[in-house]
C-alpha atoms as a PDB file:
ATOM      1  CA  MET A   1     -95.670   9.659 232.680  1.00  0.00           C
ATOM      2  CA  SER A   2     -92.475  10.280 234.654  1.00  0.00           C
ATOM      3  CA  ASN A   3     -91.827  13.470 236.584  1.00  0.00           C
ATOM      4  CA  GLU A   4     -88.876  14.201 234.302  1.00  0.00           C
ATOM      5  CA  ARG A   5     -91.192  14.170 231.298  1.00  0.00           C
ATOM      6  CA  LEU A   6     -93.575  16.549 232.961  1.00  0.00           C
ATOM      7  CA  THR A   7     -91.118  19.120 234.248  1.00  0.00           C
ATOM      8  CA  GLY A   8     -88.542  18.961 231.461  1.00  0.00           C
ATOM      9  CA  LYS A   9     -85.805  18.386 234.061  1.00  0.00           C
ATOM     10  CA  PHE A  10     -83.583  15.360 234.217  1.00  0.00           C
ATOM     11  CA  LYS A  11     -81.624  13.880 237.056  1.00  0.00           C
ATOM     12  CA  PRO A  12     -77.863  13.700 236.622  1.00  0.00           C
ATOM     13  CA  GLY A  13     -77.172  10.836 234.223  1.00  0.00           C
ATOM     14  CA  GLY A  14     -80.796  10.766 233.041  1.00  0.00           C
ATOM     15  CA  LYS A  15     -81.627  10.068 229.404  1.00  0.00           C
ATOM     16  CA  PRO A  16     -83.916  12.369 227.274  1.00  0.00           C
ATOM     17  CA  TRP A  17     -86.977  10.500 226.107  1.00  0.00           C
ATOM     18  CA  ASN A  18     -86.323  11.208 222.430  1.00  0.00           C
ATOM     19  CA  LYS A  19     -82.603  10.418 222.360  1.00  0.00           C
ATOM     20  CA  GLY A  20     -81.764   8.147 219.426  1.00  0.00           C
ATOM     21  CA  LEU A  21     -85.295   8.318 217.948  1.00  0.00           C
ATOM     22  CA  THR A  22     -86.268   9.580 214.498  1.00  0.00           C
ATOM     23  CA  ARG A  23     -89.544  10.356 212.691  1.00  0.00           C
ATOM     24  CA  LYS A  24     -89.299   7.028 210.948  1.00  0.00           C
ATOM     25  CA  THR A  25     -88.874   5.009 214.111  1.00  0.00           C
ATOM     26  CA  ASP A  26     -91.174   6.960 216.536  1.00  0.00           C
ATOM     27  CA  LEU A  27     -94.796   7.985 215.913  1.00  0.00           C
ATOM     28  CA  ARG A  28     -94.583  10.907 218.331  1.00  0.00           C
ATOM     29  CA  LEU A  29     -91.734  12.558 216.518  1.00  0.00           C
ATOM     30  CA  ALA A  30     -93.548  12.070 213.192  1.00  0.00           C
ATOM     31  CA  GLN A  31     -96.651  13.808 214.620  1.00  0.00           C
ATOM     32  CA  ILE A  32     -94.563  16.705 215.915  1.00  0.00           C
ATOM     33  CA  GLY A  33     -92.897  17.039 212.497  1.00  0.00           C
ATOM     34  CA  ASP A  34     -96.285  17.117 210.749  1.00  0.00           C
ATOM     35  CA  LYS A  35     -97.415  19.980 213.037  1.00  0.00           C
ATOM     36  CA  VAL A  36     -94.545  22.273 212.101  1.00  0.00           C
ATOM     37  CA  LYS A  37     -94.612  21.514 208.409  1.00  0.00           C
ATOM     38  CA  GLY A  38     -94.921  24.616 206.247  1.00  0.00           C
ATOM     39  CA  ARG A  39     -93.470  26.999 208.768  1.00  0.00           C
ATOM     40  CA  HIS A  40     -90.810  29.486 207.670  1.00  0.00           C
ATOM     41  CA  THR A  41     -87.151  28.478 207.814  1.00  0.00           C
ATOM     42  CA  ALA A  42     -84.715  31.062 209.197  1.00  0.00           C
ATOM     43  CA  THR A  43     -83.683  32.065 205.672  1.00  0.00           C
ATOM     44  CA  GLU A  44     -87.244  32.503 204.536  1.00  0.00           C
ATOM     45  CA  PHE A  45     -88.074  34.479 207.654  1.00  0.00           C
ATOM     46  CA  LYS A  46     -85.298  36.984 207.024  1.00  0.00           C
ATOM     47  CA  LYS A  47     -86.233  37.421 203.403  1.00  0.00           C
ATOM     48  CA  GLY A  48     -89.788  38.367 204.296  1.00  0.00           C
ATOM     49  CA  HIS A  49     -89.030  40.860 207.112  1.00  0.00           C
ATOM     50  CA  PRO A  50     -87.707  44.441 207.298  1.00  0.00           C
ATOM     51  CA  VAL A  51     -84.078  45.454 207.045  1.00  0.00           C
ATOM     52  CA  HIS A  52     -83.450  45.457 210.786  1.00  0.00           C
ATOM     53  CA  PHE A  53     -83.717  41.642 210.752  1.00  0.00           C
ATOM     54  CA  LEU A  54     -81.152  41.163 207.976  1.00  0.00           C
ATOM     55  CA  GLY A  55     -78.060  41.655 210.158  1.00  0.00           C
ATOM     56  CA  TRP A  56     -79.004  38.657 212.279  1.00  0.00           C
ATOM     57  CA  LYS A  57     -76.399  35.966 212.856  1.00  0.00           C
ATOM     58  CA  LYS A  58     -76.723  32.817 214.813  1.00  0.00           C
ATOM     59  CA  GLY A  59     -76.065  33.570 218.473  1.00  0.00           C
ATOM     60  CA  SER A  60     -75.208  37.274 218.021  1.00  0.00           C
ATOM     61  CA  PHE A  61     -76.171  40.631 216.502  1.00  0.00           C
ATOM     62  CA  THR A  62     -73.858  42.249 213.954  1.00  0.00           C
ATOM     63  CA  PRO A  63     -73.109  45.994 214.096  1.00  0.00           C
ATOM     64  CA  GLU A  64     -75.166  46.407 210.896  1.00  0.00           C
ATOM     65  CA  HIS A  65     -78.163  44.818 212.603  1.00  0.00           C
ATOM     66  CA  LEU A  66     -77.827  47.002 215.743  1.00  0.00           C
ATOM     67  CA  ALA A  67     -77.515  50.169 213.594  1.00  0.00           C
ATOM     68  CA  ALA A  68     -80.550  49.222 211.491  1.00  0.00           C
ATOM     69  CA  MET A  69     -82.593  48.376 214.561  1.00  0.00           C
ATOM     70  CA  SER A  70     -81.650  51.633 216.240  1.00  0.00           C
ATOM     71  CA  LYS A  71     -82.591  53.644 213.104  1.00  0.00           C
ATOM     72  CA  ALA A  72     -85.946  51.853 212.883  1.00  0.00           C
ATOM     73  CA  GLN A  73     -86.765  52.775 216.471  1.00  0.00           C
ATOM     74  CA  LEU A  74     -85.725  56.431 216.346  1.00  0.00           C
ATOM     75  CA  GLY A  75     -88.689  57.738 214.419  1.00  0.00           C
ATOM     76  CA  LYS A  76     -89.222  61.449 213.759  1.00  0.00           C
ATOM     77  CA  LYS A  77     -89.093  64.074 216.453  1.00  0.00           C
ATOM     78  CA  ASN A  78     -92.280  66.017 217.010  1.00  0.00           C
ATOM     79  CA  PRO A  79     -91.461  69.598 218.147  1.00  0.00           C
ATOM     80  CA  ALA A  80     -95.088  70.226 219.025  1.00  0.00           C
ATOM     81  CA  HIS A  81     -95.026  67.277 221.500  1.00  0.00           C
ATOM     82  CA  GLY A  82     -91.903  68.714 223.217  1.00  0.00           C
ATOM     83  CA  GLU A  83     -93.496  72.115 223.624  1.00  0.00           C
ATOM     84  CA  ARG A  84     -96.682  70.550 224.976  1.00  0.00           C
ATOM     85  CA  ILE A  85     -94.698  68.660 227.670  1.00  0.00           C
ATOM     86  CA  LYS A  86     -92.830  71.845 228.622  1.00  0.00           C
ATOM     87  CA  THR A  87     -96.169  73.639 229.012  1.00  0.00           C
ATOM     88  CA  LEU A  88     -97.622  70.808 231.135  1.00  0.00           C
ATOM     89  CA  TRP A  89     -94.634  70.949 233.501  1.00  0.00           C
ATOM     90  CA  LYS A  90     -95.532  74.572 234.249  1.00  0.00           C
ATOM     91  CA  THR A  91     -98.893  73.543 235.685  1.00  0.00           C
ATOM     92  CA  ALA A  92     -99.183  72.606 239.372  1.00  0.00           C
ATOM     93  CA  VAL A  93    -101.596  69.772 238.647  1.00  0.00           C
ATOM     94  CA  PHE A  94     -99.258  67.992 236.232  1.00  0.00           C
ATOM     95  CA  ALA A  95     -96.207  68.415 238.536  1.00  0.00           C
ATOM     96  CA  ALA A  96     -98.232  67.022 241.447  1.00  0.00           C
ATOM     97  CA  LYS A  97     -99.245  63.984 239.395  1.00  0.00           C
ATOM     98  CA  GLN A  98     -95.589  63.321 238.490  1.00  0.00           C
ATOM     99  CA  ARG A  99     -94.551  63.720 242.089  1.00  0.00           C
ATOM    100  CA  ASP A 100     -97.210  61.276 243.335  1.00  0.00           C
ATOM    101  CA  GLY A 101     -96.746  58.832 240.507  1.00  0.00           C
ATOM    102  CA  ARG A 102     -92.971  58.580 240.598  1.00  0.00           C
ATOM    103  CA  SER A 103     -92.546  58.613 244.383  1.00  0.00           C
ATOM    104  CA  TYR A 104     -89.033  60.067 243.826  1.00  0.00           C
ATOM    105  CA  LYS A 105     -86.533  59.961 246.695  1.00  0.00           C
ATOM    106  CA  PRO A 106     -83.060  61.510 246.810  1.00  0.00           C
ATOM    107  CA  ASN A 107     -80.255  59.349 245.530  1.00  0.00           C
ATOM    108  CA  ASN A 108     -76.992  58.825 247.430  1.00  0.00           C
ATOM    109  CA  SER A 109     -75.291  61.933 246.020  1.00  0.00           C
ATOM    110  CA  GLU A 110     -78.288  64.104 246.830  1.00  0.00           C
ATOM    111  CA  ARG A 111     -78.477  62.668 250.355  1.00  0.00           C
ATOM    112  CA  ASN A 112     -74.784  63.381 250.906  1.00  0.00           C
ATOM    113  CA  LEU A 113     -75.143  66.965 249.703  1.00  0.00           C
ATOM    114  CA  LEU A 114     -78.255  67.539 251.852  1.00  0.00           C
ATOM    115  CA  CYS A 115     -76.409  66.172 254.880  1.00  0.00           C
ATOM    116  CA  LEU A 116     -73.578  68.603 254.228  1.00  0.00           C
ATOM    117  CA  LEU A 117     -75.950  71.496 253.813  1.00  0.00           C
ATOM    118  CA  ASN A 118     -77.613  70.662 257.086  1.00  0.00           C
ATOM    119  CA  LEU A 119     -74.249  70.619 258.845  1.00  0.00           C
ATOM    120  CA  LEU A 120     -73.198  73.949 257.407  1.00  0.00           C
ATOM    121  CA  PHE A 121     -76.579  75.728 257.448  1.00  0.00           C
ATOM    122  CA  PRO A 122     -78.934  73.865 259.784  1.00  0.00           C
ATOM    123  CA  GLY A 123     -82.579  73.999 258.696  1.00  0.00           C
ATOM    124  CA  VAL A 124     -81.919  76.377 255.813  1.00  0.00           C
ATOM    125  CA  TYR A 125     -82.163  74.012 252.819  1.00  0.00           C
ATOM    126  CA  ILE A 126     -84.685  71.353 251.970  1.00  0.00           C
ATOM    127  CA  PHE A 127     -84.709  68.744 249.164  1.00  0.00           C
ATOM    128  CA  THR A 128     -87.226  69.545 246.431  1.00  0.00           C
ATOM    129  CA  GLY A 129     -85.973  67.301 243.625  1.00  0.00           C
ATOM    130  CA  ASP A 130     -89.128  65.232 244.075  1.00  0.00           C
ATOM    131  CA  PHE A 131     -91.146  67.858 242.068  1.00  0.00           C
ATOM    132  CA  SER A 132     -92.478  69.389 245.305  1.00  0.00           C
ATOM    133  CA  PHE A 133     -91.261  72.814 244.157  1.00  0.00           C
ATOM    134  CA  MET A 134     -91.344  74.151 240.601  1.00  0.00           C
ATOM    135  CA  VAL A 135     -90.093  77.311 238.959  1.00  0.00           C
ATOM    136  CA  ASP A 136     -91.760  77.841 235.599  1.00  0.00           C
ATOM    137  CA  GLY A 137     -91.441  74.199 234.737  1.00  0.00           C
ATOM    138  CA  LYS A 138     -87.985  73.622 236.269  1.00  0.00           C
ATOM    139  CA  ASN A 139     -87.479  71.552 239.404  1.00  0.00           C
ATOM    140  CA  PRO A 140     -84.501  72.592 241.556  1.00  0.00           C
ATOM    141  CA  ASP A 141     -82.912  69.978 243.794  1.00  0.00           C
ATOM    142  CA  PHE A 142     -82.668  72.165 246.871  1.00  0.00           C
ATOM    143  CA  ILE A 143     -84.213  75.503 247.908  1.00  0.00           C
ATOM    144  CA  SER A 144     -83.574  77.779 250.901  1.00  0.00           C
ATOM    145  CA  THR A 145     -86.355  78.274 253.401  1.00  0.00           C
ATOM    146  CA  ASP A 146     -85.026  81.479 255.013  1.00  0.00           C
ATOM    147  CA  GLY A 147     -86.493  83.827 252.386  1.00  0.00           C
ATOM    148  CA  SER A 148     -83.194  84.331 250.546  1.00  0.00           C
ATOM    149  CA  LYS A 149     -84.529  82.680 247.344  1.00  0.00           C
ATOM    150  CA  LYS A 150     -81.488  80.468 246.726  1.00  0.00           C
ATOM    151  CA  VAL A 151     -81.534  77.204 244.844  1.00  0.00           C
ATOM    152  CA  ILE A 152     -78.848  74.572 244.560  1.00  0.00           C
ATOM    153  CA  GLU A 153     -78.719  72.052 241.738  1.00  0.00           C
ATOM    154  CA  LEU A 154     -76.673  68.849 241.757  1.00  0.00           C
ATOM    155  CA  PHE A 155     -75.589  68.023 238.222  1.00  0.00           C
ATOM    156  CA  GLY A 156     -74.286  64.654 237.073  1.00  0.00           C
ATOM    157  CA  MET A 157     -71.498  64.720 234.482  1.00  0.00           C
ATOM    158  CA  ARG A 158     -73.275  61.987 232.564  1.00  0.00           C
ATOM    159  CA  TYR A 159     -76.420  63.969 232.059  1.00  0.00           C
ATOM    160  CA  HIS A 160     -75.378  67.574 231.729  1.00  0.00           C
ATOM    161  CA  PRO A 161     -72.926  69.220 229.345  1.00  0.00           C
ATOM    162  CA  ALA A 162     -70.829  72.091 230.774  1.00  0.00           C
ATOM    163  CA  GLU A 163     -72.975  74.751 229.071  1.00  0.00           C
ATOM    164  CA  ASP A 164     -75.997  73.660 231.176  1.00  0.00           C
ATOM    165  CA  GLU A 165     -74.523  75.376 234.214  1.00  0.00           C
ATOM    166  CA  LYS A 166     -74.817  78.921 232.821  1.00  0.00           C
ATOM    167  CA  LYS A 167     -78.203  78.179 231.238  1.00  0.00           C
ATOM    168  CA  ARG A 168     -79.665  77.005 234.544  1.00  0.00           C
ATOM    169  CA  ILE A 169     -78.153  79.907 236.544  1.00  0.00           C
ATOM    170  CA  ASP A 170     -79.530  82.426 234.030  1.00  0.00           C
ATOM    171  CA  PHE A 171     -82.933  80.746 234.060  1.00  0.00           C
ATOM    172  CA  PHE A 172     -83.331  80.965 237.847  1.00  0.00           C
ATOM    173  CA  SER A 173     -81.885  84.489 237.918  1.00  0.00           C
ATOM    174  CA  ALA A 174     -84.608  85.599 235.458  1.00  0.00           C
ATOM    175  CA  HIS A 175     -87.182  84.296 238.002  1.00  0.00           C
ATOM    176  CA  GLY A 176     -85.616  86.084 240.990  1.00  0.00           C
ATOM    177  CA  PHE A 177     -83.519  83.200 242.386  1.00  0.00           C
ATOM    178  CA  SER A 178     -79.791  82.938 243.043  1.00  0.00           C
ATOM    179  CA  ALA A 179     -78.531  79.531 241.809  1.00  0.00           C
ATOM    180  CA  LEU A 180     -75.524  77.405 242.512  1.00  0.00           C
ATOM    181  CA  ILE A 181     -74.548  74.344 240.476  1.00  0.00           C
ATOM    182  CA  VAL A 182     -72.701  71.547 242.225  1.00  0.00           C
ATOM    183  CA  TRP A 183     -71.195  68.871 239.966  1.00  0.00           C
ATOM    184  CA  ASP A 184     -71.150  65.347 241.353  1.00  0.00           C
ATOM    185  CA  PRO A 185     -67.303  64.955 241.297  1.00  0.00           C
ATOM    186  CA  GLU A 186     -67.125  67.949 243.684  1.00  0.00           C
ATOM    187  CA  LEU A 187     -68.646  65.780 246.455  1.00  0.00           C
ATOM    188  CA  LYS A 188     -65.322  63.989 246.625  1.00  0.00           C
ATOM    189  CA  ASN A 189     -63.445  67.171 247.501  1.00  0.00           C
ATOM    190  CA  LEU A 190     -65.108  68.303 250.710  1.00  0.00           C
ATOM    191  CA  PRO A 191     -62.840  71.302 251.564  1.00  0.00           C
ATOM    192  CA  MET A 192     -63.374  72.840 248.149  1.00  0.00           C
ATOM    193  CA  LEU A 193     -67.116  72.115 248.215  1.00  0.00           C
ATOM    194  CA  VAL A 194     -67.558  73.592 251.722  1.00  0.00           C
ATOM    195  CA  SER A 195     -65.779  76.751 250.558  1.00  0.00           C
ATOM    196  CA  LYS A 196     -67.996  76.935 247.465  1.00  0.00           C
ATOM    197  CA  LEU A 197     -71.243  76.506 249.478  1.00  0.00           C
ATOM    198  CA  LYS A 198     -70.232  79.101 252.097  1.00  0.00           C
ATOM    199  CA  GLN A 199     -69.309  81.619 249.442  1.00  0.00           C
ATOM    200  CA  PHE A 200     -72.683  81.142 247.787  1.00  0.00           C
ATOM    201  CA  GLN A 201     -74.607  81.273 251.054  1.00  0.00           C
ATOM    202  CA  PHE A 202     -72.952  84.404 252.407  1.00  0.00           C
ATOM    203  CA  LEU A 203     -72.634  86.204 249.075  1.00  0.00           C
ATOM    204  CA  ASP A 204     -75.388  88.712 249.968  1.00  0.00           C
ATOM    205  CA  LEU A 205     -73.642  89.631 253.231  1.00  0.00           C
ATOM    206  CA  LYS A 206     -70.424  90.522 251.398  1.00  0.00           C
ATOM    207  CA  GLU A 207     -72.302  92.736 249.021  1.00  0.00           C
END
């Protein structure tokens, strides 16, 4: 048997072994045809399967198909499960397992902010967004190490609505921490960001 037959690859200009052959003229094709006899055709397949298959078109998915498939995968939310996860995050053992299992490292935006913090306040802030520090189930991105109990969070516009800022500040305040939220677009305006960070850092001195 040729190498082309074994690998399924053909040299440029090569001829497929079954080109021009039919079941009537070639025993091999007849045997293959007998093996697949009785299998469902595409139409029969769609008739016997759930609604999320019915939007199928040759070579593409229709909007109806995508909507039906999404609906089929959503399922029902389980409030009890959500509360259980929140409770687990408040335990040191669970947080440690997440930290070790995910091996999380700061992304580019977090590295840039940490670099700026080290330039402005050398040795004061460390990155803790790897679950190495938790506050009642919440994981701040940066915390101060000088005893001032300050946390800084870097929020991505894609993941946080505007109202999350006040919620997060109020949460940390209730646990004795001062919090500052930095939004990722602010990293592109260094003068404004430097002013914002300094105002937050030296707020206690002004008071």
